[in-house]
Protein backbone atom coordinates (compact mmCIF):
# COMPACT_ATOMS: atom_id res chain seq x y z
CA UNK A 1 -67.00 -20.04 -49.23
CA UNK A 2 -65.49 -22.35 -47.32
CA UNK A 3 -63.33 -25.09 -48.71
CA UNK A 4 -61.46 -28.04 -47.15
CA UNK A 5 -59.17 -30.24 -48.51
CA UNK A 6 -60.09 -34.31 -48.96
CA UNK A 7 -59.20 -37.34 -49.71
CA UNK A 8 -62.54 -39.47 -50.70
CA UNK A 9 -62.70 -43.09 -52.07
CA UNK A 10 -63.70 -43.05 -56.04
CA UNK A 11 -67.08 -44.81 -54.82
CA UNK A 12 -68.10 -42.24 -52.36
CA UNK A 13 -68.40 -39.17 -54.68
CA UNK A 14 -71.78 -39.04 -57.21
CA UNK A 15 -71.54 -37.73 -60.69
CA UNK A 16 -74.97 -35.91 -61.03
CA UNK A 17 -76.04 -34.47 -64.55
CA UNK A 18 -73.08 -32.99 -66.79
CA UNK A 19 -73.03 -29.74 -68.78
CA UNK A 20 -70.57 -32.24 -71.04
CA UNK A 21 -72.62 -34.30 -73.29
CA UNK A 22 -69.86 -36.68 -73.74
CA UNK A 23 -66.54 -37.60 -71.60
CA UNK A 24 -64.28 -37.56 -74.82
CA UNK A 25 -61.40 -39.38 -75.41
CA UNK A 26 -59.66 -40.00 -71.73
CA UNK A 27 -56.50 -42.20 -73.17
CA UNK A 28 -53.88 -39.73 -72.11
CA UNK A 29 -55.47 -38.38 -69.49
CA UNK A 30 -55.57 -41.94 -68.07
CA UNK A 31 -51.69 -42.77 -68.68
CA UNK A 32 -50.66 -39.24 -67.33
CA UNK A 33 -53.12 -40.47 -63.88
CA UNK A 34 -51.39 -43.49 -64.12
CA UNK A 35 -48.26 -42.14 -64.35
CA UNK A 36 -48.12 -38.91 -62.00
CA UNK A 37 -51.07 -39.28 -59.99
CA UNK A 38 -54.11 -37.28 -59.78
CA UNK A 39 -52.83 -33.62 -60.21
CA UNK A 40 -55.77 -31.26 -59.87
CA UNK A 41 -58.17 -32.47 -57.20
CA UNK A 42 -61.80 -32.70 -58.14
CA UNK A 43 -63.96 -30.47 -56.48
CA UNK A 44 -67.11 -31.86 -54.89
CA UNK A 45 -70.30 -30.30 -52.78
CA UNK A 46 -70.74 -30.59 -49.01
CA UNK A 47 -72.50 -34.14 -49.60
CA UNK A 48 -69.88 -35.24 -52.32
CA UNK A 49 -71.32 -34.92 -55.19
CA UNK A 50 -68.98 -33.57 -58.30
CA UNK A 51 -68.90 -29.96 -58.84
CA UNK A 52 -66.14 -30.61 -61.64
CA UNK A 53 -64.22 -32.99 -62.42
CA UNK A 54 -65.90 -36.16 -64.47
CA UNK A 55 -63.03 -36.58 -66.58
CA UNK A 56 -60.74 -37.09 -64.26
CA UNK A 57 -62.75 -39.40 -62.46
CA UNK A 58 -62.97 -41.56 -65.17
CA UNK A 59 -59.41 -41.67 -65.98
CA UNK A 60 -58.96 -42.76 -62.28
CA UNK A 61 -61.39 -45.45 -62.62
CA UNK A 62 -59.55 -46.24 -65.72
CA UNK A 63 -55.98 -46.56 -63.79
CA UNK A 64 -57.55 -48.55 -61.03
CA UNK A 65 -56.89 -45.38 -58.82
CA UNK A 66 -59.28 -45.39 -55.58
CA UNK A 67 -58.55 -42.65 -53.46
CA UNK A 68 -58.82 -39.00 -55.13
CA UNK A 69 -57.71 -35.68 -53.95
CA UNK A 70 -60.71 -33.37 -53.34
CA UNK A 71 -61.79 -29.82 -52.52
CA UNK A 72 -65.09 -29.87 -50.65
CA UNK A 73 -67.08 -26.60 -50.91
CA UNK A 74 -69.49 -25.35 -48.52
CA UNK A 75 -72.23 -25.55 -51.24
CA UNK A 76 -74.89 -27.59 -53.05
CA UNK A 77 -73.68 -28.80 -56.79
CA UNK A 78 -76.61 -26.99 -57.99
CA UNK A 79 -75.73 -23.95 -56.87
CA UNK A 80 -74.75 -20.41 -58.58
CA UNK A 81 -71.70 -20.42 -57.05
CA UNK A 82 -70.99 -24.34 -58.41
CA UNK A 83 -72.24 -23.46 -61.52
CA UNK A 84 -70.37 -20.22 -62.10
CA UNK A 85 -67.37 -22.50 -60.95
CA UNK A 86 -68.35 -24.98 -63.58
CA UNK A 87 -68.34 -21.94 -66.60
CA UNK A 88 -64.78 -20.78 -64.92
CA UNK A 89 -63.13 -24.05 -65.01
CA UNK A 90 -64.22 -24.93 -68.16
CA UNK A 91 -64.11 -21.53 -70.16
CA UNK A 92 -61.32 -19.41 -68.66
CA UNK A 93 -58.49 -21.78 -69.63
CA UNK A 94 -55.54 -20.39 -71.75
CA UNK A 95 -54.18 -23.11 -74.07
CA UNK A 96 -50.31 -22.71 -74.66
CA UNK A 97 -49.25 -21.19 -77.85
CA UNK A 98 -46.93 -22.78 -80.30
CA UNK A 99 -44.52 -20.67 -78.81
CA UNK A 100 -44.64 -22.25 -75.59
CA UNK A 101 -45.13 -25.51 -76.67
CA UNK A 102 -41.48 -24.96 -78.37
CA UNK A 103 -39.97 -24.11 -75.57
CA UNK A 104 -41.67 -26.83 -73.04
CA UNK A 105 -40.44 -29.10 -75.66
CA UNK A 106 -36.84 -27.79 -75.47
CA UNK A 107 -36.75 -27.57 -71.89
CA UNK A 108 -38.02 -31.34 -71.60
CA UNK A 109 -34.83 -32.18 -74.25
CA UNK A 110 -32.74 -30.59 -71.79
CA UNK A 111 -33.91 -32.36 -68.90
CA UNK A 112 -34.36 -35.43 -70.87
CA UNK A 113 -30.95 -35.33 -71.82
CA UNK A 114 -29.43 -34.97 -68.25
CA UNK A 115 -31.28 -38.22 -67.04
CA UNK A 116 -30.47 -40.59 -70.31
CA UNK A 117 -29.77 -39.90 -73.85
CA UNK A 118 -31.61 -43.41 -74.46
CA UNK A 119 -34.91 -42.28 -72.90
CA UNK A 120 -35.06 -38.94 -75.54
CA UNK A 121 -37.09 -40.37 -78.18
CA UNK A 122 -39.83 -41.32 -75.89
CA UNK A 123 -40.03 -37.69 -73.92
CA UNK A 124 -40.60 -36.15 -77.11
CA UNK A 125 -42.94 -38.34 -78.41
CA UNK A 126 -44.70 -38.13 -75.45
CA UNK A 127 -44.73 -34.43 -75.54
CA UNK A 128 -45.94 -34.02 -78.75
CA UNK A 129 -48.75 -36.38 -78.27
CA UNK A 130 -49.75 -34.29 -75.50
CA UNK A 131 -49.56 -31.25 -77.59
CA UNK A 132 -50.50 -31.97 -80.41
CA UNK A 133 -52.89 -29.27 -82.41
CA UNK A 134 -55.18 -31.06 -84.52
């Protein structure tokens, strides 16, 4: 399938029906997008209809971000290929194990201590917030 990396204005993409019934809490995602920008492009079809990325778009709207990185696929949003993509993007993720979270916290702690001893508490609090196992 052909794909093209593009940047699109948030008002140029269309959200049609979604598999997700609720977008959920996007607070942490909005904070991340505000701080780092949108790191994972949304996927859109040839007509700028969203295949995946509704939560990322909502977070960008909340953060006031207008330009979105996107991958435009040469397909339609309701094609079998697009539906396969939705399944894979939502079900094939592997969350970090507790041991991996601890390893990441240790690495962030070390990096934070190199940057500034005064910022360590805020960094650790952010990591724990991101990886809370509720």
